[in-house]
Amino acid sequence: DEPIVLEVNIGFLEKMDEFSLIGMSTSGKDALEKIKKLKP
């Protein structure tokens, strides 16, 4: 939920070729809905 931390984590993840970001959320309930749908 912290925009700066989210940006840092995305930046860290982008440095690793084995991983692909498919979604993000800033709240728990929204995260649950998206994770159930996307199944990361």
Full PDB file with SEQRES, HELIX, SHEET, SSBOND, CRYST1, ORIGX, SCALE, CONECT and MASTER records, all heavy atoms in Angstrom:
SEQRES   1 A   40  ASP GLU PRO ILE VAL LEU GLU VAL ASN ILE GLY PHE LEU          
SEQRES   2 A   40  GLU LYS MET ASP GLU PHE SER LEU ILE GLY MET SER THR          
SEQRES   3 A   40  SER GLY LYS ASP ALA LEU GLU LYS ILE LYS LYS LEU LYS          
SEQRES   4 A   40  PRO                                                          
HELIX    1 AA1 PRO A    3  GLU A   14  1                                  12    
HELIX    2 AA2 GLY A   28  LEU A   38  1                                  11    
CRYST1    1.000    1.000    1.000  90.00  90.00  90.00 P 1           1          
ORIGX1      1.000000  0.000000  0.000000        0.00000                         
ORIGX2      0.000000  1.000000  0.000000        0.00000                         
ORIGX3      0.000000  0.000000  1.000000        0.00000                         
SCALE1      1.000000  0.000000  0.000000        0.00000                         
SCALE2      0.000000  1.000000  0.000000        0.00000                         
SCALE3      0.000000  0.000000  1.000000        0.00000                         
ATOM      1  N   ASP A   1       0.794  -1.223   0.000  1.00  0.00           N  
ATOM      2  CA  ASP A   1       0.000   0.000   0.000  1.00  0.00           C  
ATOM      3  C   ASP A   1       0.830   1.279   0.000  1.00  0.00           C  
ATOM      4  O   ASP A   1       0.282   2.362  -0.200  1.00  0.00           O  
ATOM      5  CB  ASP A   1      -0.958   0.008   1.196  1.00  0.00           C  
ATOM      6  CG  ASP A   1      -0.227   0.148   2.519  1.00  0.00           C  
ATOM      7  OD1 ASP A   1       0.852  -0.478   2.676  1.00  0.00           O  
ATOM      8  OD2 ASP A   1      -0.725   0.859   3.407  1.00  0.00           O  
ATOM      9  N   GLU A   2       2.138   1.179   0.199  1.00  0.00           N  
ATOM     10  CA  GLU A   2       2.988   2.365   0.184  1.00  0.00           C  
ATOM     11  C   GLU A   2       3.545   2.558  -1.226  1.00  0.00           C  
ATOM     12  O   GLU A   2       4.318   1.728  -1.702  1.00  0.00           O  
ATOM     13  CB  GLU A   2       4.130   2.233   1.180  1.00  0.00           C  
ATOM     14  CG  GLU A   2       3.679   2.117   2.634  1.00  0.00           C  
ATOM     15  CD  GLU A   2       4.852   2.013   3.583  1.00  0.00           C  
ATOM     16  OE1 GLU A   2       5.863   2.696   3.332  1.00  0.00           O  
ATOM     17  OE2 GLU A   2       4.760   1.251   4.557  1.00  0.00           O  
ATOM     18  N   PRO A   3       3.192   3.662  -1.895  1.00  0.00           N  
ATOM     19  CA  PRO A   3       3.598   3.864  -3.294  1.00  0.00           C  
ATOM     20  C   PRO A   3       5.107   3.796  -3.518  1.00  0.00           C  
ATOM     21  O   PRO A   3       5.559   3.190  -4.500  1.00  0.00           O  
ATOM     22  CB  PRO A   3       3.059   5.267  -3.614  1.00  0.00           C  
ATOM     23  CG  PRO A   3       1.916   5.456  -2.672  1.00  0.00           C  
ATOM     24  CD  PRO A   3       2.322   4.749  -1.405  1.00  0.00           C  
ATOM     25  N   ILE A   4       5.879   4.379  -2.606  1.00  0.00           N  
ATOM     26  CA  ILE A   4       7.334   4.377  -2.788  1.00  0.00           C  
ATOM     27  C   ILE A   4       7.892   2.964  -2.677  1.00  0.00           C  
ATOM     28  O   ILE A   4       8.723   2.536  -3.484  1.00  0.00           O  
ATOM     29  CB  ILE A   4       8.005   5.307  -1.754  1.00  0.00           C  
ATOM     30  CG1 ILE A   4       7.583   6.762  -2.014  1.00  0.00           C  
ATOM     31  CG2 ILE A   4       9.529   5.181  -1.823  1.00  0.00           C  
ATOM     32  CD1 ILE A   4       8.154   7.749  -1.017  1.00  0.00           C  
ATOM     33  N   VAL A   5       7.423   2.213  -1.667  1.00  0.00           N  
ATOM     34  CA  VAL A   5       7.887   0.841  -1.484  1.00  0.00           C  
ATOM     35  C   VAL A   5       7.459  -0.027  -2.665  1.00  0.00           C  
ATOM     36  O   VAL A   5       8.222  -0.864  -3.148  1.00  0.00           O  
ATOM     37  CB  VAL A   5       7.338   0.247  -0.166  1.00  0.00           C  
ATOM     38  CG1 VAL A   5       7.786  -1.202  -0.007  1.00  0.00           C  
ATOM     39  CG2 VAL A   5       7.809   1.072   1.027  1.00  0.00           C  
ATOM     40  N   LEU A   6       6.238   0.192  -3.145  1.00  0.00           N  
ATOM     41  CA  LEU A   6       5.745  -0.552  -4.305  1.00  0.00           C  
ATOM     42  C   LEU A   6       6.642  -0.308  -5.515  1.00  0.00           C  
ATOM     43  O   LEU A   6       7.020  -1.242  -6.235  1.00  0.00           O  
ATOM     44  CB  LEU A   6       4.311  -0.143  -4.618  1.00  0.00           C  
ATOM     45  CG  LEU A   6       3.664  -0.779  -5.849  1.00  0.00           C  
ATOM     46  CD1 LEU A   6       3.610  -2.292  -5.713  1.00  0.00           C  
ATOM     47  CD2 LEU A   6       2.258  -0.210  -6.066  1.00  0.00           C  
ATOM     48  N   GLU A   7       6.999   0.941  -5.718  1.00  0.00           N  
ATOM     49  CA  GLU A   7       7.865   1.300  -6.846  1.00  0.00           C  
ATOM     50  C   GLU A   7       9.241   0.637  -6.715  1.00  0.00           C  
ATOM     51  O   GLU A   7       9.792   0.126  -7.697  1.00  0.00           O  
ATOM     52  CB  GLU A   7       8.017   2.821  -6.914  1.00  0.00           C  
ATOM     53  CG  GLU A   7       8.825   3.306  -8.107  1.00  0.00           C  
ATOM     54  CD  GLU A   7       8.907   4.821  -8.175  1.00  0.00           C  
ATOM     55  OE1 GLU A   7       8.129   5.491  -7.461  1.00  0.00           O  
ATOM     56  OE2 GLU A   7       9.749   5.330  -8.936  1.00  0.00           O  
ATOM     57  N   VAL A   8       9.775   0.617  -5.493  1.00  0.00           N  
ATOM     58  CA  VAL A   8      11.088  -0.011  -5.258  1.00  0.00           C  
ATOM     59  C   VAL A   8      11.017  -1.503  -5.541  1.00  0.00           C  
ATOM     60  O   VAL A   8      11.895  -2.074  -6.203  1.00  0.00           O  
ATOM     61  CB  VAL A   8      11.549   0.244  -3.809  1.00  0.00           C  
ATOM     62  CG1 VAL A   8      12.762  -0.636  -3.468  1.00  0.00           C  
ATOM     63  CG2 VAL A   8      11.905   1.710  -3.607  1.00  0.00           C  
ATOM     64  N   ASN A   9       9.963  -2.163  -5.030  1.00  0.00           N  
ATOM     65  CA  ASN A   9       9.822  -3.599  -5.236  1.00  0.00           C  
ATOM     66  C   ASN A   9       9.678  -3.952  -6.715  1.00  0.00           C  
ATOM     67  O   ASN A   9      10.238  -4.950  -7.182  1.00  0.00           O  
ATOM     68  CB  ASN A   9       8.621  -4.132  -4.447  1.00  0.00           C  
ATOM     69  CG  ASN A   9       8.847  -4.089  -2.949  1.00  0.00           C  
ATOM     70  OD1 ASN A   9       9.970  -3.923  -2.484  1.00  0.00           O  
ATOM     71  ND2 ASN A   9       7.774  -4.237  -2.191  1.00  0.00           N  
ATOM     72  N   ILE A  10       8.928  -3.135  -7.442  1.00  0.00           N  
ATOM     73  CA  ILE A  10       8.792  -3.356  -8.887  1.00  0.00           C  
ATOM     74  C   ILE A  10      10.153  -3.199  -9.564  1.00  0.00           C  
ATOM     75  O   ILE A  10      10.531  -3.994 -10.438  1.00  0.00           O  
ATOM     76  CB  ILE A  10       7.768  -2.381  -9.490  1.00  0.00           C  
ATOM     77  CG1 ILE A  10       6.360  -2.703  -8.984  1.00  0.00           C  
ATOM     78  CG2 ILE A  10       7.800  -2.441 -11.020  1.00  0.00           C  
ATOM     79  CD1 ILE A  10       5.306  -1.692  -9.404  1.00  0.00           C  
ATOM     80  N   GLY A  11      10.898  -2.183  -9.159  1.00  0.00           N  
ATOM     81  CA  GLY A  11      12.229  -1.965  -9.719  1.00  0.00           C  
ATOM     82  C   GLY A  11      13.164  -3.127  -9.447  1.00  0.00           C  
ATOM     83  O   GLY A  11      13.922  -3.563 -10.329  1.00  0.00           O  
ATOM     84  N   PHE A  12      13.116  -3.655  -8.218  1.00  0.00           N  
ATOM     85  CA  PHE A  12      13.933  -4.821  -7.871  1.00  0.00           C  
ATOM     86  C   PHE A  12      13.551  -6.020  -8.748  1.00  0.00           C  
ATOM     87  O   PHE A  12      14.411  -6.734  -9.261  1.00  0.00           O  
ATOM     88  CB  PHE A  12      13.738  -5.191  -6.399  1.00  0.00           C  
ATOM     89  CG  PHE A  12      14.496  -4.316  -5.432  1.00  0.00           C  
ATOM     90  CD1 PHE A  12      14.336  -4.504  -4.067  1.00  0.00           C  
ATOM     91  CD2 PHE A  12      15.353  -3.327  -5.875  1.00  0.00           C  
ATOM     92  CE1 PHE A  12      15.040  -3.715  -3.148  1.00  0.00           C  
ATOM     93  CE2 PHE A  12      16.042  -2.524  -4.982  1.00  0.00           C  
ATOM     94  CZ  PHE A  12      15.893  -2.718  -3.618  1.00  0.00           C  
ATOM     95  N   LEU A  13      12.241  -6.220  -8.892  1.00  0.00           N  
ATOM     96  CA  LEU A  13      11.748  -7.380  -9.639  1.00  0.00           C  
ATOM     97  C   LEU A  13      12.154  -7.295 -11.111  1.00  0.00           C  
ATOM     98  O   LEU A  13      12.490  -8.317 -11.730  1.00  0.00           O  
ATOM     99  CB  LEU A  13      10.227  -7.469  -9.508  1.00  0.00           C  
ATOM    100  CG  LEU A  13       9.563  -8.735 -10.042  1.00  0.00           C  
ATOM    101  CD1 LEU A  13       9.994  -9.950  -9.228  1.00  0.00           C  
ATOM    102  CD2 LEU A  13       8.045  -8.593 -10.003  1.00  0.00           C  
ATOM    103  N   GLU A  14      12.136  -6.098 -11.662  1.00  0.00           N  
ATOM    104  CA  GLU A  14      12.473  -5.917 -13.075  1.00  0.00           C  
ATOM    105  C   GLU A  14      13.927  -6.245 -13.373  1.00  0.00           C  
ATOM    106  O   GLU A  14      14.299  -6.450 -14.537  1.00  0.00           O  
ATOM    107  CB  GLU A  14      12.152  -4.484 -13.511  1.00  0.00           C  
ATOM    108  CG  GLU A  14      10.654  -4.210 -13.608  1.00  0.00           C  
ATOM    109  CD  GLU A  14      10.343  -2.763 -13.933  1.00  0.00           C  
ATOM    110  OE1 GLU A  14      11.263  -1.918 -13.792  1.00  0.00           O  
ATOM    111  OE2 GLU A  14       9.190  -2.472 -14.320  1.00  0.00           O  
ATOM    112  N   LYS A  15      14.760  -6.290 -12.350  1.00  0.00           N  
ATOM    113  CA  LYS A  15      16.173  -6.637 -12.531  1.00  0.00           C  
ATOM    114  C   LYS A  15      16.385  -8.146 -12.647  1.00  0.00           C  
ATOM    115  O   LYS A  15      17.503  -8.601 -12.885  1.00  0.00           O  
ATOM    116  CB  LYS A  15      17.001  -6.093 -11.365  1.00  0.00           C  
ATOM    117  CG  LYS A  15      17.018  -4.571 -11.249  1.00  0.00           C  
ATOM    118  CD  LYS A  15      17.850  -4.125 -10.056  1.00  0.00           C  
ATOM    119  CE  LYS A  15      17.800  -2.616  -9.874  1.00  0.00           C  
ATOM    120  NZ  LYS A  15      18.436  -1.895 -10.992  1.00  0.00           N  
ATOM    121  N   MET A  16      15.320  -8.925 -12.456  1.00  0.00           N  
ATOM    122  CA  MET A  16      15.431 -10.383 -12.451  1.00  0.00           C  
ATOM    123  C   MET A  16      14.637 -10.957 -13.630  1.00  0.00           C  
ATOM    124  O   MET A  16      13.405 -10.906 -13.656  1.00  0.00           O  
ATOM    125  CB  MET A  16      14.921 -10.942 -11.121  1.00  0.00           C  
ATOM    126  CG  MET A  16      15.600 -10.295  -9.919  1.00  0.00           C  
ATOM    127  SD  MET A  16      15.159 -11.047  -8.332  1.00  0.00           S  
ATOM    128  CE  MET A  16      16.027 -12.623  -8.478  1.00  0.00           C  
ATOM    129  N   ASP A  17      15.347 -11.480 -14.604  1.00  0.00           N  
ATOM    130  CA  ASP A  17      14.736 -11.923 -15.854  1.00  0.00           C  
ATOM    131  C   ASP A  17      13.812 -13.124 -15.693  1.00  0.00           C  
ATOM    132  O   ASP A  17      12.966 -13.381 -16.557  1.00  0.00           O  
ATOM    133  CB  ASP A  17      15.829 -12.275 -16.876  1.00  0.00           C  
ATOM    134  CG  ASP A  17      16.636 -11.060 -17.295  1.00  0.00           C  
ATOM    135  OD1 ASP A  17      16.105  -9.934 -17.200  1.00  0.00           O  
ATOM    136  OD2 ASP A  17      17.797 -11.231 -17.708  1.00  0.00           O  
ATOM    137  N   GLU A  18      13.985 -13.891 -14.612  1.00  0.00           N  
ATOM    138  CA  GLU A  18      13.185 -15.112 -14.448  1.00  0.00           C  
ATOM    139  C   GLU A  18      11.751 -14.837 -14.020  1.00  0.00           C  
ATOM    140  O   GLU A  18      10.920 -15.746 -14.001  1.00  0.00           O  
ATOM    141  CB  GLU A  18      13.833 -16.033 -13.400  1.00  0.00           C  
ATOM    142  CG  GLU A  18      15.277 -16.382 -13.669  1.00  0.00           C  
ATOM    143  CD  GLU A  18      16.240 -15.410 -13.008  1.00  0.00           C  
ATOM    144  OE1 GLU A  18      15.819 -14.264 -12.708  1.00  0.00           O  
ATOM    145  OE2 GLU A  18      17.392 -15.794 -12.789  1.00  0.00           O  
ATOM    146  N   PHE A  19      11.444 -13.578 -13.672  1.00  0.00           N  
ATOM    147  CA  PHE A  19      10.142 -13.248 -13.103  1.00  0.00           C  
ATOM    148  C   PHE A  19       9.386 -12.240 -13.964  1.00  0.00           C  
ATOM    149  O   PHE A  19       9.985 -11.410 -14.646  1.00  0.00           O  
ATOM    150  CB  PHE A  19      10.311 -12.699 -11.690  1.00  0.00           C  
ATOM    151  CG  PHE A  19      10.930 -13.677 -10.737  1.00  0.00           C  
ATOM    152  CD1 PHE A  19      12.304 -13.776 -10.626  1.00  0.00           C  
ATOM    153  CD2 PHE A  19      10.140 -14.513  -9.961  1.00  0.00           C  
ATOM    154  CE1 PHE A  19      12.883 -14.695  -9.758  1.00  0.00           C  
ATOM    155  CE2 PHE A  19      10.705 -15.433  -9.096  1.00  0.00           C  
ATOM    156  CZ  PHE A  19      12.079 -15.526  -8.997  1.00  0.00           C  
ATOM    157  N   SER A  20       8.059 -12.322 -13.894  1.00  0.00           N  
ATOM    158  CA  SER A  20       7.210 -11.411 -14.653  1.00  0.00           C  
ATOM    159  C   SER A  20       6.087 -10.894 -13.753  1.00  0.00           C  
ATOM    160  O   SER A  20       5.342 -11.690 -13.173  1.00  0.00           O  
ATOM    161  CB  SER A  20       6.620 -12.137 -15.866  1.00  0.00           C  
ATOM    162  OG  SER A  20       5.681 -11.313 -16.536  1.00  0.00           O  
ATOM    163  N   LEU A  21       5.964  -9.590 -13.620  1.00  0.00           N  
ATOM    164  CA  LEU A  21       4.908  -8.981 -12.810  1.00  0.00           C  
ATOM    165  C   LEU A  21       3.598  -9.014 -13.586  1.00  0.00           C  
ATOM    166  O   LEU A  21       3.504  -8.462 -14.678  1.00  0.00           O  
ATOM    167  CB  LEU A  21       5.282  -7.541 -12.458  1.00  0.00           C  
ATOM    168  CG  LEU A  21       4.278  -6.769 -11.608  1.00  0.00           C  
ATOM    169  CD1 LEU A  21       4.143  -7.399 -10.225  1.00  0.00           C  
ATOM    170  CD2 LEU A  21       4.697  -5.300 -11.482  1.00  0.00           C  
ATOM    171  N   ILE A  22       2.575  -9.662 -13.006  1.00  0.00           N  
ATOM    172  CA  ILE A  22       1.282  -9.758 -13.703  1.00  0.00           C  
ATOM    173  C   ILE A  22       0.186  -8.942 -13.027  1.00  0.00           C  
ATOM    174  O   ILE A  22      -0.928  -8.859 -13.543  1.00  0.00           O  
ATOM    175  CB  ILE A  22       0.823 -11.222 -13.835  1.00  0.00           C  
ATOM    176  CG1 ILE A  22       0.557 -11.840 -12.455  1.00  0.00           C  
ATOM    177  CG2 ILE A  22       1.831 -12.032 -14.620  1.00  0.00           C  
ATOM    178  CD1 ILE A  22      -0.155 -13.186 -12.526  1.00  0.00           C  
ATOM    179  N   GLY A  23       0.485  -8.349 -11.866  1.00  0.00           N  
ATOM    180  CA  GLY A  23      -0.534  -7.552 -11.203  1.00  0.00           C  
ATOM    181  C   GLY A  23      -0.060  -7.006  -9.882  1.00  0.00           C  
ATOM    182  O   GLY A  23       0.966  -7.444  -9.349  1.00  0.00           O  
ATOM    183  N   MET A  24      -0.817  -6.058  -9.364  1.00  0.00           N  
ATOM    184  CA  MET A  24      -0.474  -5.465  -8.072  1.00  0.00           C  
ATOM    185  C   MET A  24      -1.740  -4.920  -7.423  1.00  0.00           C  
ATOM    186  O   MET A  24      -2.756  -4.692  -8.093  1.00  0.00           O  
ATOM    187  CB  MET A  24       0.567  -4.354  -8.247  1.00  0.00           C  
ATOM    188  CG  MET A  24       0.092  -3.161  -9.043  1.00  0.00           C  
ATOM    189  SD  MET A  24       1.443  -2.030  -9.483  1.00  0.00           S  
ATOM    190  CE  MET A  24       2.166  -2.919 -10.872  1.00  0.00           C  
ATOM    191  N   SER A  25      -1.646  -4.725  -6.098  1.00  0.00           N  
ATOM    192  CA  SER A  25      -2.795  -4.193  -5.371  1.00  0.00           C  
ATOM    193  C   SER A  25      -2.286  -3.424  -4.159  1.00  0.00           C  
ATOM    194  O   SER A  25      -1.219  -3.722  -3.625  1.00  0.00           O  
ATOM    195  CB  SER A  25      -3.719  -5.320  -4.930  1.00  0.00           C  
ATOM    196  OG  SER A  25      -4.829  -4.796  -4.222  1.00  0.00           O  
ATOM    197  N   THR A  26      -3.097  -2.455  -3.715  1.00  0.00           N  
ATOM    198  CA  THR A  26      -2.725  -1.657  -2.552  1.00  0.00           C  
ATOM    199  C   THR A  26      -3.609  -1.949  -1.343  1.00  0.00           C  
ATOM    200  O   THR A  26      -3.500  -1.279  -0.322  1.00  0.00           O  
ATOM    201  CB  THR A  26      -2.806  -0.154  -2.882  1.00  0.00           C  
ATOM    202  OG1 THR A  26      -4.132   0.166  -3.312  1.00  0.00           O  
ATOM    203  CG2 THR A  26      -1.822   0.210  -3.986  1.00  0.00           C  
ATOM    204  N   SER A  27      -4.492  -2.944  -1.444  1.00  0.00           N  
ATOM    205  CA  SER A  27      -5.357  -3.307  -0.317  1.00  0.00           C  
ATOM    206  C   SER A  27      -5.557  -4.817  -0.285  1.00  0.00           C  
ATOM    207  O   SER A  27      -5.393  -5.510  -1.300  1.00  0.00           O  
ATOM    208  CB  SER A  27      -6.712  -2.599  -0.410  1.00  0.00           C  
ATOM    209  OG  SER A  27      -7.449  -3.089  -1.514  1.00  0.00           O  
ATOM    210  N   GLY A  28      -5.950  -5.318   0.879  1.00  0.00           N  
ATOM    211  CA  GLY A  28      -6.086  -6.751   1.056  1.00  0.00           C  
ATOM    212  C   GLY A  28      -7.240  -7.368   0.293  1.00  0.00           C  
ATOM    213  O   GLY A  28      -7.088  -8.393  -0.379  1.00  0.00           O  
ATOM    214  N   LYS A  29      -8.419  -6.759   0.390  1.00  0.00           N  
ATOM    215  CA  LYS A  29      -9.601  -7.330  -0.267  1.00  0.00           C  
ATOM    216  C   LYS A  29      -9.470  -7.309  -1.783  1.00  0.00           C  
ATOM    217  O   LYS A  29      -9.835  -8.268  -2.473  1.00  0.00           O  
ATOM    218  CB  LYS A  29     -10.856  -6.570   0.183  1.00  0.00           C  
ATOM    219  CG  LYS A  29     -11.196  -6.781   1.652  1.00  0.00           C  
ATOM    220  CD  LYS A  29     -12.432  -5.992   2.066  1.00  0.00           C  
ATOM    221  CE  LYS A  29     -12.749  -6.215   3.540  1.00  0.00           C  
ATOM    222  NZ  LYS A  29     -13.931  -5.437   3.979  1.00  0.00           N  
ATOM    223  N   ASP A  30      -8.941  -6.225  -2.306  1.00  0.00           N  
ATOM    224  CA  ASP A  30      -8.716  -6.138  -3.745  1.00  0.00           C  
ATOM    225  C   ASP A  30      -7.681  -7.179  -4.175  1.00  0.00           C  
ATOM    226  O   ASP A  30      -7.818  -7.812  -5.230  1.00  0.00           O  
ATOM    227  CB  ASP A  30      -8.228  -4.731  -4.115  1.00  0.00           C  
ATOM    228  CG  ASP A  30      -7.961  -4.587  -5.600  1.00  0.00           C  
ATOM    229  OD1 ASP A  30      -8.919  -4.642  -6.386  1.00  0.00           O  
ATOM    230  OD2 ASP A  30      -6.773  -4.412  -5.968  1.00  0.00           O  
ATOM    231  N   ALA A  31      -6.656  -7.361  -3.353  1.00  0.00           N  
ATOM    232  CA  ALA A  31      -5.618  -8.346  -3.659  1.00  0.00           C  
ATOM    233  C   ALA A  31      -6.208  -9.750  -3.734  1.00  0.00           C  
ATOM    234  O   ALA A  31      -5.881 -10.525  -4.642  1.00  0.00           O  
ATOM    235  CB  ALA A  31      -4.515  -8.290  -2.605  1.00  0.00           C  
ATOM    236  N   LEU A  32      -7.071 -10.080  -2.789  1.00  0.00           N  
ATOM    237  CA  LEU A  32      -7.685 -11.410  -2.780  1.00  0.00           C  
ATOM    238  C   LEU A  32      -8.462 -11.671  -4.072  1.00  0.00           C  
ATOM    239  O   LEU A  32      -8.346 -12.746  -4.676  1.00  0.00           O  
ATOM    240  CB  LEU A  32      -8.622 -11.554  -1.578  1.00  0.00           C  
ATOM    241  CG  LEU A  32      -7.957 -11.851  -0.237  1.00  0.00           C  
ATOM    242  CD1 LEU A  32      -8.973 -11.739   0.899  1.00  0.00           C  
ATOM    243  CD2 LEU A  32      -7.331 -13.246  -0.244  1.00  0.00           C  
ATOM    244  N   GLU A  33      -9.240 -10.699  -4.511  1.00  0.00           N  
ATOM    245  CA  GLU A  33     -10.022 -10.863  -5.739  1.00  0.00           C  
ATOM    246  C   GLU A  33      -9.124 -11.079  -6.943  1.00  0.00           C  
ATOM    247  O   GLU A  33      -9.359 -11.972  -7.769  1.00  0.00           O  
ATOM    248  CB  GLU A  33     -10.910  -9.631  -5.959  1.00  0.00           C  
ATOM    249  CG  GLU A  33     -12.043  -9.487  -4.944  1.00  0.00           C  
ATOM    250  CD  GLU A  33     -12.917  -8.278  -5.241  1.00  0.00           C  
ATOM    251  OE1 GLU A  33     -12.709  -7.653  -6.297  1.00  0.00           O  
ATOM    252  OE2 GLU A  33     -13.795  -7.971  -4.418  1.00  0.00           O  
ATOM    253  N   LYS A  34      -8.065 -10.265  -7.042  1.00  0.00           N  
ATOM    254  CA  LYS A  34      -7.186 -10.344  -8.208  1.00  0.00           C  
ATOM    255  C   LYS A  34      -6.335 -11.615  -8.185  1.00  0.00           C  
ATOM    256  O   LYS A  34      -6.105 -12.236  -9.228  1.00  0.00           O  
ATOM    257  CB  LYS A  34      -6.291  -9.101  -8.269  1.00  0.00           C  
ATOM    258  CG  LYS A  34      -7.051  -7.825  -8.597  1.00  0.00           C  
ATOM    259  CD  LYS A  34      -6.127  -6.622  -8.644  1.00  0.00           C  
ATOM    260  CE  LYS A  34      -6.891  -5.362  -9.018  1.00  0.00           C  
ATOM    261  NZ  LYS A  34      -6.011  -4.152  -9.005  1.00  0.00           N  
ATOM    262  N   ILE A  35      -5.870 -12.000  -7.002  1.00  0.00           N  
ATOM    263  CA  ILE A  35      -5.043 -13.211  -6.910  1.00  0.00           C  
ATOM    264  C   ILE A  35      -5.859 -14.450  -7.266  1.00  0.00           C  
ATOM    265  O   ILE A  35      -5.384 -15.349  -7.957  1.00  0.00           O  
ATOM    266  CB  ILE A  35      -4.443 -13.343  -5.494  1.00  0.00           C  
ATOM    267  CG1 ILE A  35      -3.401 -12.240  -5.268  1.00  0.00           C  
ATOM    268  CG2 ILE A  35      -3.799 -14.719  -5.293  1.00  0.00           C  
ATOM    269  CD1 ILE A  35      -2.918 -12.136  -3.834  1.00  0.00           C  
ATOM    270  N   LYS A  36      -7.103 -14.497  -6.804  1.00  0.00           N  
ATOM    271  CA  LYS A  36      -7.976 -15.639  -7.139  1.00  0.00           C  
ATOM    272  C   LYS A  36      -8.197 -15.725  -8.652  1.00  0.00           C  
ATOM    273  O   LYS A  36      -8.305 -16.821  -9.214  1.00  0.00           O  
ATOM    274  CB  LYS A  36      -9.321 -15.503  -6.425  1.00  0.00           C  
ATOM    275  CG  LYS A  36      -9.251 -15.672  -4.917  1.00  0.00           C  
ATOM    276  CD  LYS A  36     -10.614 -15.400  -4.289  1.00  0.00           C  
ATOM    277  CE  LYS A  36     -10.539 -15.367  -2.785  1.00  0.00           C  
ATOM    278  NZ  LYS A  36     -11.848 -15.042  -2.159  1.00  0.00           N  
ATOM    279  N   LYS A  37      -8.266 -14.588  -9.298  1.00  0.00           N  
ATOM    280  CA  LYS A  37      -8.516 -14.558 -10.742  1.00  0.00           C  
ATOM    281  C   LYS A  37      -7.240 -14.857 -11.531  1.00  0.00           C  
ATOM    282  O   LYS A  37      -7.260 -15.663 -12.472  1.00  0.00           O  
ATOM    283  CB  LYS A  37      -9.065 -13.185 -11.143  1.00  0.00           C  
ATOM    284  CG  LYS A  37      -9.335 -13.041 -12.629  1.00  0.00           C  
ATOM    285  CD  LYS A  37      -9.884 -11.654 -12.949  1.00  0.00           C  
ATOM    286  CE  LYS A  37     -10.140 -11.497 -14.441  1.00  0.00           C  
ATOM    287  NZ  LYS A  37     -10.673 -10.146 -14.778  1.00  0.00           N  
ATOM    288  N   LEU A  38      -6.119 -14.226 -11.140  1.00  0.00           N  
ATOM    289  CA  LEU A  38      -4.889 -14.331 -11.917  1.00  0.00           C  
ATOM    290  C   LEU A  38      -4.070 -15.569 -11.566  1.00  0.00           C  
ATOM    291  O   LEU A  38      -3.301 -16.060 -12.384  1.00  0.00           O  
ATOM    292  CB  LEU A  38      -4.034 -13.076 -11.691  1.00  0.00           C  
ATOM    293  CG  LEU A  38      -4.629 -11.757 -12.175  1.00  0.00           C  
ATOM    294  CD1 LEU A  38      -3.757 -10.588 -11.726  1.00  0.00           C  
ATOM    295  CD2 LEU A  38      -4.757 -11.771 -13.690  1.00  0.00           C  
ATOM    296  N   LYS A  39      -4.215 -16.046 -10.305  1.00  0.00           N  
ATOM    297  CA  LYS A  39      -3.464 -17.210  -9.817  1.00  0.00           C  
ATOM    298  C   LYS A  39      -1.963 -17.108 -10.109  1.00  0.00           C  
ATOM    299  O   LYS A  39      -1.382 -17.950 -10.813  1.00  0.00           O  
ATOM    300  CB  LYS A  39      -4.035 -18.504 -10.387  1.00  0.00           C  
ATOM    301  CG  LYS A  39      -5.422 -18.835  -9.837  1.00  0.00           C  
ATOM    302  CD  LYS A  39      -5.911 -20.164 -10.357  1.00  0.00           C  
ATOM    303  CE  LYS A  39      -7.204 -20.581  -9.644  1.00  0.00           C  
ATOM    304  NZ  LYS A  39      -8.265 -19.580  -9.728  1.00  0.00           N  
ATOM    305  N   PRO A  40      -1.313 -16.095  -9.572  1.00  0.00           N  
ATOM    306  CA  PRO A  40       0.133 -15.959  -9.776  1.00  0.00           C  
ATOM    307  C   PRO A  40       0.890 -17.078  -9.077  1.00  0.00           C  
ATOM    308  O   PRO A  40       0.416 -17.639  -8.088  1.00  0.00           O  
ATOM    309  CB  PRO A  40       0.449 -14.603  -9.126  1.00  0.00           C  
ATOM    310  CG  PRO A  40      -0.608 -14.455  -8.068  1.00  0.00           C  
ATOM    311  CD  PRO A  40      -1.844 -15.058  -8.679  1.00  0.00           C  
TER     312      PRO A  40                                                      
MASTER        0    0    0    2    0    0    0    6  311    1    0    4          
END                                                                             
